[in-house]
N, C-alpha and C. Protein backbone atom coordinates (compact mmCIF):
# COMPACT_ATOMS: atom_id res chain seq x y z
N MET A 1 13.88 32.19 47.74
CA MET A 1 12.87 33.13 48.42
C MET A 1 12.23 31.80 49.24
N ALA A 2 11.32 32.34 50.41
CA ALA A 2 11.07 31.65 51.44
C ALA A 2 9.80 30.69 50.69
N GLY A 3 9.85 29.48 51.13
CA GLY A 3 8.26 29.20 51.11
C GLY A 3 6.61 29.84 51.44
N PRO A 4 6.35 29.20 50.67
CA PRO A 4 4.59 30.01 51.27
C PRO A 4 4.49 30.07 52.64
N LEU A 5 3.08 31.12 52.80
CA LEU A 5 2.82 31.24 54.32
C LEU A 5 1.85 29.81 54.75
N VAL A 6 2.00 28.66 55.15
CA VAL A 6 1.55 27.73 56.10
C VAL A 6 0.23 28.17 56.88
N VAL A 7 -0.98 28.37 56.78
CA VAL A 7 -2.09 28.41 57.65
C VAL A 7 -2.57 27.22 57.76
N ALA A 8 -3.00 27.59 58.72
CA ALA A 8 -3.86 25.72 59.56
C ALA A 8 -5.29 26.49 59.94
N LEU A 9 -6.34 25.72 59.75
CA LEU A 9 -7.62 26.10 60.44
C LEU A 9 -7.85 25.08 61.41
N ARG A 10 -8.70 25.84 62.22
CA ARG A 10 -9.67 24.79 63.68
C ARG A 10 -10.93 25.59 63.22
N ILE A 11 -11.82 24.64 62.78
CA ILE A 11 -12.99 25.40 62.27
C ILE A 11 -13.88 24.13 62.64
N GLY A 12 -14.57 24.26 63.76
CA GLY A 12 -15.73 22.91 64.24
C GLY A 12 -16.83 22.73 63.18
N ASP A 13 -17.33 23.94 62.53
CA ASP A 13 -18.06 23.48 61.41
C ASP A 13 -17.59 22.88 60.31
N ALA A 14 -17.53 21.70 59.76
CA ALA A 14 -17.17 20.50 58.86
C ALA A 14 -17.57 21.16 57.60
N ARG A 15 -18.78 21.44 56.98
CA ARG A 15 -18.63 22.63 55.67
C ARG A 15 -18.35 24.30 55.91
N LEU A 16 -18.36 24.34 56.76
CA LEU A 16 -17.53 26.30 56.99
C LEU A 16 -15.90 25.80 56.22
N ALA A 17 -15.44 24.98 57.34
CA ALA A 17 -14.12 24.28 57.22
C ALA A 17 -13.51 23.77 55.55
N GLU A 18 -14.79 23.16 55.33
CA GLU A 18 -14.28 22.83 53.67
C GLU A 18 -14.22 24.30 52.27
N ARG A 19 -15.50 24.91 52.95
CA ARG A 19 -15.55 26.34 52.37
C ARG A 19 -14.01 27.20 52.55
N ALA A 20 -13.54 27.21 53.45
CA ALA A 20 -12.58 27.88 53.95
C ALA A 20 -11.16 27.38 53.22
N ALA A 21 -11.04 26.20 53.12
CA ALA A 21 -10.11 25.39 52.81
C ALA A 21 -10.31 25.40 50.76
N ALA A 22 -11.37 25.39 50.51
CA ALA A 22 -11.29 25.77 49.18
C ALA A 22 -10.99 27.31 49.25
N VAL A 23 -11.06 27.80 49.53
CA VAL A 23 -11.30 29.39 49.13
C VAL A 23 -9.18 29.83 49.00
N LEU A 24 -9.06 29.28 50.47
CA LEU A 24 -7.33 29.11 50.72
C LEU A 24 -6.51 28.50 49.75
N THR A 25 -7.12 27.45 49.18
CA THR A 25 -5.91 26.41 48.07
C THR A 25 -5.40 27.06 47.18
N ASP A 26 -6.43 28.36 46.65
CA ASP A 26 -6.14 29.14 45.18
C ASP A 26 -5.49 30.61 45.43
N VAL A 27 -4.97 30.55 47.09
CA VAL A 27 -4.22 31.62 47.31
C VAL A 27 -2.48 31.74 47.18
N PRO A 28 -2.42 32.87 45.98
CA PRO A 28 -0.76 33.06 46.08
C PRO A 28 -0.19 33.31 47.47
N GLY A 29 0.92 32.41 47.47
CA GLY A 29 1.63 32.51 48.65
C GLY A 29 1.08 31.97 50.16
N LEU A 30 0.41 31.12 49.79
CA LEU A 30 -0.54 30.23 50.99
C LEU A 30 -0.28 29.17 50.60
N ARG A 31 -0.02 28.31 51.98
CA ARG A 31 -0.57 26.68 51.99
C ARG A 31 -1.20 26.03 52.97
N LEU A 32 -2.42 25.03 52.85
CA LEU A 32 -2.97 24.97 53.89
C LEU A 32 -1.79 23.69 54.77
N ALA A 33 -1.67 24.39 56.17
CA ALA A 33 -1.17 23.01 56.91
C ALA A 33 -1.35 21.52 57.08
N ALA A 34 -0.63 20.02 56.75
CA ALA A 34 -1.72 19.55 56.91
C ALA A 34 -1.55 18.60 58.38
N GLY A 35 -2.31 18.01 58.88
CA GLY A 35 -3.29 17.61 60.00
C GLY A 35 -1.65 17.23 61.22
N GLY A 36 -1.53 18.37 62.16
CA GLY A 36 -0.49 18.28 63.09
C GLY A 36 0.89 18.99 62.53
N GLU A 37 0.67 19.43 61.11
CA GLU A 37 1.82 20.63 60.78
C GLU A 37 2.35 22.01 61.15
N PRO A 38 2.88 22.12 61.97
CA PRO A 38 3.30 23.40 62.45
C PRO A 38 2.95 24.60 61.29
N ALA A 39 2.17 25.38 61.68
CA ALA A 39 1.68 26.57 60.52
C ALA A 39 2.20 27.99 61.39
N ASP A 40 2.28 28.81 60.46
CA ASP A 40 2.64 30.34 60.18
C ASP A 40 1.29 30.84 60.98
N LEU A 41 -0.03 30.69 60.96
CA LEU A 41 -0.87 31.13 60.98
C LEU A 41 -2.27 30.52 61.11
N LEU A 42 -2.75 30.67 62.24
CA LEU A 42 -4.14 29.72 62.69
C LEU A 42 -5.14 30.20 62.79
N LEU A 43 -6.17 30.08 61.43
CA LEU A 43 -7.27 30.79 61.94
C LEU A 43 -8.08 29.83 62.25
N THR A 44 -9.38 30.51 62.75
CA THR A 44 -10.37 29.29 63.71
C THR A 44 -11.84 30.77 63.37
N ALA A 45 -12.99 29.61 63.67
CA ALA A 45 -13.80 30.29 63.42
C ALA A 45 -14.83 30.79 64.72
N PRO A 46 -15.27 31.95 65.40
CA PRO A 46 -15.84 32.23 66.52
C PRO A 46 -16.35 31.02 67.27
N GLY A 47 -16.28 31.54 68.20
CA GLY A 47 -16.79 30.50 69.39
C GLY A 47 -15.77 28.92 69.87
N ILE A 48 -14.61 29.25 68.89
CA ILE A 48 -13.67 28.58 69.56
C ILE A 48 -12.99 28.40 70.40
N GLY A 49 -12.63 29.23 71.37
CA GLY A 49 -11.34 29.60 71.48
C GLY A 49 -11.17 31.33 71.38
N THR A 50 -11.89 31.88 70.69
CA THR A 50 -11.36 32.79 70.28
C THR A 50 -12.03 34.20 70.60
N PRO A 51 -12.05 35.31 70.29
CA PRO A 51 -12.62 36.85 70.90
C PRO A 51 -13.81 36.65 69.84
N GLU A 52 -14.68 37.36 70.39
CA GLU A 52 -16.34 37.45 69.74
C GLU A 52 -15.70 37.96 68.21
N ASN A 53 -15.18 38.79 67.54
CA ASN A 53 -14.74 39.39 66.41
C ASN A 53 -14.29 38.10 65.43
N GLY A 54 -14.14 36.87 65.76
CA GLY A 54 -13.52 35.97 64.96
C GLY A 54 -12.05 35.86 64.65
N GLU A 55 -11.15 36.63 65.54
CA GLU A 55 -10.28 36.49 65.21
C GLU A 55 -9.15 35.98 65.99
N THR A 56 -8.08 35.26 65.59
CA THR A 56 -7.13 34.69 66.96
C THR A 56 -6.50 35.85 67.34
N VAL A 57 -6.03 35.68 68.83
CA VAL A 57 -5.56 36.06 69.29
C VAL A 57 -3.81 34.97 69.75
N ARG A 58 -2.59 35.94 69.56
CA ARG A 58 -1.59 35.39 69.70
C ARG A 58 -0.70 36.23 70.19
N ASP A 59 0.29 35.79 71.29
CA ASP A 59 0.97 36.59 72.03
C ASP A 59 0.53 38.24 72.44
N GLY A 60 -0.94 38.08 72.64
CA GLY A 60 -1.94 39.28 72.70
C GLY A 60 -1.79 40.36 72.18
N GLU A 61 -1.54 39.87 70.40
CA GLU A 61 -2.20 41.10 69.15
C GLU A 61 -2.91 40.07 68.18
N ALA A 62 -3.71 40.67 67.93
CA ALA A 62 -4.81 40.19 67.13
C ALA A 62 -4.51 39.51 65.54
N SER A 63 -4.71 38.28 65.63
CA SER A 63 -3.83 37.87 64.08
C SER A 63 -4.81 38.13 62.73
N LEU A 64 -4.17 37.84 61.87
CA LEU A 64 -5.45 38.42 60.47
C LEU A 64 -6.02 37.79 60.31
N THR A 65 -7.69 37.65 59.82
CA THR A 65 -8.59 36.95 58.91
C THR A 65 -7.68 36.74 57.79
N ALA A 66 -8.43 35.18 57.23
CA ALA A 66 -8.68 35.08 56.05
C ALA A 66 -8.15 36.06 54.86
N ARG A 67 -9.21 36.36 54.65
CA ARG A 67 -8.95 37.83 53.69
C ARG A 67 -7.57 38.88 53.78
N GLU A 68 -7.52 39.23 55.13
CA GLU A 68 -6.51 39.94 55.24
C GLU A 68 -5.37 39.45 54.96
N ALA A 69 -5.04 38.22 55.72
CA ALA A 69 -4.10 37.49 54.94
C ALA A 69 -3.64 37.35 53.17
N GLU A 70 -4.76 37.47 53.05
CA GLU A 70 -4.98 36.91 51.13
C GLU A 70 -4.29 38.73 50.68
N VAL A 71 -5.00 39.75 51.75
CA VAL A 71 -4.21 40.61 51.51
C VAL A 71 -2.73 41.07 51.11
N LEU A 72 -2.12 40.80 52.78
CA LEU A 72 -0.74 40.71 53.12
C LEU A 72 -0.12 40.16 51.98
N ALA A 73 -0.42 39.17 51.91
CA ALA A 73 0.12 38.44 50.56
C ALA A 73 0.59 38.94 49.32
N LEU A 74 -0.97 39.51 48.59
CA LEU A 74 -0.55 41.22 47.24
C LEU A 74 0.07 42.23 48.15
N LEU A 75 0.45 42.14 49.68
CA LEU A 75 0.83 43.35 49.43
C LEU A 75 2.43 43.12 49.19
N ALA A 76 2.35 41.86 49.66
CA ALA A 76 4.52 41.63 49.85
C ALA A 76 4.92 41.17 48.38
N GLU A 77 3.55 41.35 47.54
CA GLU A 77 4.52 40.83 45.90
C GLU A 77 3.56 42.53 45.40
N GLY A 78 3.94 43.49 46.85
CA GLY A 78 3.87 45.02 45.72
C GLY A 78 2.61 44.97 44.94
N ALA A 79 1.35 44.72 44.94
CA ALA A 79 -0.05 44.73 44.61
C ALA A 79 -0.18 46.25 44.57
N SER A 80 -1.18 46.96 44.51
CA SER A 80 -1.81 48.13 44.35
C SER A 80 -3.53 47.69 44.74
N ASN A 81 -3.59 48.62 45.43
CA ASN A 81 -5.53 48.77 45.70
C ASN A 81 -5.81 47.60 44.59
N LYS A 82 -5.59 48.41 43.52
CA LYS A 82 -6.64 47.86 42.47
C LYS A 82 -6.40 47.07 41.80
N GLN A 83 -4.87 46.18 42.10
CA GLN A 83 -4.95 45.03 42.08
C GLN A 83 -5.26 44.01 42.08
N ILE A 84 -5.48 44.59 44.14
CA ILE A 84 -5.30 43.52 45.04
C ILE A 84 -7.26 43.18 44.71
N ALA A 85 -7.84 44.39 44.50
CA ALA A 85 -9.17 44.61 44.10
C ALA A 85 -9.34 43.70 43.22
N ARG A 86 -8.87 43.55 42.18
CA ARG A 86 -9.17 42.51 41.04
C ARG A 86 -8.73 41.40 41.65
N ARG A 87 -7.47 40.53 41.64
CA ARG A 87 -7.17 39.64 42.04
C ARG A 87 -7.99 38.94 43.22
N LEU A 88 -9.07 39.57 44.11
CA LEU A 88 -9.72 39.17 44.63
C LEU A 88 -11.22 39.01 44.15
N GLY A 89 -11.26 40.25 43.45
CA GLY A 89 -12.73 39.88 43.10
C GLY A 89 -13.83 40.66 43.87
N ILE A 90 -12.74 41.70 44.77
CA ILE A 90 -13.59 42.99 45.20
C ILE A 90 -13.56 44.26 44.86
N SER A 91 -14.27 44.99 44.96
CA SER A 91 -14.49 46.59 45.00
C SER A 91 -13.13 47.30 45.70
N VAL A 92 -12.48 48.39 44.85
CA VAL A 92 -11.08 48.89 45.42
C VAL A 92 -11.27 49.27 46.57
N HIS A 93 -12.55 49.94 47.10
CA HIS A 93 -13.17 50.68 48.59
C HIS A 93 -12.79 49.81 49.37
N THR A 94 -13.02 48.16 49.05
CA THR A 94 -12.77 46.59 50.28
C THR A 94 -11.57 46.40 50.18
N ALA A 95 -10.78 46.50 49.12
CA ALA A 95 -9.64 46.30 49.19
C ALA A 95 -9.03 47.55 50.05
N LYS A 96 -8.95 48.84 50.06
CA LYS A 96 -8.54 49.85 50.41
C LYS A 96 -9.45 49.35 52.55
N PHE A 97 -10.13 49.21 52.41
CA PHE A 97 -10.30 49.08 53.96
C PHE A 97 -9.67 47.76 54.31
N HIS A 98 -9.42 46.68 53.67
CA HIS A 98 -8.46 45.37 53.83
C HIS A 98 -7.10 46.01 54.40
N VAL A 99 -7.03 46.55 53.32
CA VAL A 99 -5.10 47.47 53.16
C VAL A 99 -5.01 47.98 54.97
N GLY A 100 -6.16 48.35 54.97
CA GLY A 100 -5.97 50.14 56.30
C GLY A 100 -6.03 49.14 57.43
N GLN A 101 -7.04 47.87 57.56
CA GLN A 101 -7.26 46.50 58.45
C GLN A 101 -5.86 46.00 58.98
N VAL A 102 -4.80 45.64 58.10
CA VAL A 102 -3.77 44.66 57.88
C VAL A 102 -3.00 45.98 58.33
N LEU A 103 -2.95 47.12 57.86
CA LEU A 103 -1.98 47.72 58.57
C LEU A 103 -2.06 48.67 59.94
N ASP A 104 -3.10 48.31 60.34
CA ASP A 104 -3.53 48.94 62.10
C ASP A 104 -3.10 47.71 62.82
N LYS A 105 -3.71 46.29 62.29
CA LYS A 105 -3.27 45.29 63.02
C LYS A 105 -1.60 44.90 63.50
N LEU A 106 -0.75 45.54 62.21
CA LEU A 106 0.52 45.25 62.34
C LEU A 106 1.41 46.40 62.65
N ASP A 107 0.44 47.67 63.16
CA ASP A 107 0.71 48.41 63.91
C ASP A 107 2.23 49.26 62.86
N ALA A 108 1.54 49.44 61.54
CA ALA A 108 2.58 49.96 60.46
C ALA A 108 1.94 50.67 60.03
N PRO A 109 3.02 51.60 59.61
CA PRO A 109 2.90 52.97 58.65
C PRO A 109 2.50 53.25 57.43
N GLY A 110 3.08 51.92 56.65
CA GLY A 110 2.50 52.17 55.47
C GLY A 110 2.92 50.38 55.00
N ARG A 111 2.52 50.23 53.53
CA ARG A 111 2.33 49.05 52.87
C ARG A 111 4.01 48.73 53.04
N ALA A 112 5.19 49.15 52.97
CA ALA A 112 6.24 48.35 52.87
C ALA A 112 6.29 48.26 54.78
N GLY A 113 6.15 49.08 55.03
CA GLY A 113 6.11 48.39 56.58
C GLY A 113 5.60 47.72 57.29
N ALA A 114 4.39 47.09 57.06
CA ALA A 114 3.74 46.48 57.03
C ALA A 114 3.99 44.78 56.77
N VAL A 115 4.51 45.03 55.38
CA VAL A 115 5.11 43.35 55.03
C VAL A 115 6.44 43.24 55.59
N ALA A 116 7.67 44.32 55.85
CA ALA A 116 8.46 43.96 56.89
C ALA A 116 8.42 43.77 58.12
N HIS A 117 7.14 44.17 58.79
CA HIS A 117 6.65 43.59 59.97
C HIS A 117 6.01 42.45 60.04
N ALA A 118 5.43 42.14 59.08
CA ALA A 118 5.03 40.53 59.22
C ALA A 118 5.76 39.71 58.65
N ALA A 119 6.99 40.19 58.57
CA ALA A 119 7.62 38.88 58.17
C ALA A 119 8.89 38.62 59.17
N ARG A 120 8.90 39.76 59.87
CA ARG A 120 9.91 39.89 61.35
C ARG A 120 8.75 38.81 62.38
N ARG A 121 7.88 39.19 62.12
CA ARG A 121 6.83 38.62 63.12
C ARG A 121 6.69 36.98 62.90
N GLY A 122 7.20 36.78 61.67
CA GLY A 122 6.93 35.46 61.49
C GLY A 122 5.74 34.99 60.45
N VAL A 123 5.03 36.33 60.21
CA VAL A 123 3.66 35.87 59.96
C VAL A 123 3.52 35.60 58.31
N ILE A 124 4.75 35.79 57.26
CA ILE A 124 5.29 36.11 55.74
C ILE A 124 6.65 35.47 56.10
N HIS A 125 6.53 34.77 55.03
CA HIS A 125 8.26 35.11 54.69
C HIS A 125 8.44 35.20 53.55
N LEU A 126 9.12 35.90 53.43
CA LEU A 126 10.06 36.73 52.09
C LEU A 126 10.83 35.54 51.36
């Protein structure tokens, strides 16, 4: 099995960066990149060279938000919407919404397709 998804943060507000790091530290399948370390995914805050919606753009495609990356990691584990909701402390409706966003952003027809596509793009490592 490949290692965790390495996530780098580029957030100008130090307090927001600390909060984001604290949330991401305990996400299964994710690891925060050390300073200068190459990352699989870059998360930025709005206003730091990103579109207004806060998503980064890489190779002409929208990247996933931190929550969508969490959902994708759980999809890779085979979690259902109900399991995702429980693990993330959100409603099943919200979990379903996030899954839909991941499928849309990865242009995938289904959950397995999203995981496979993300693995091919290097967004996650299986």
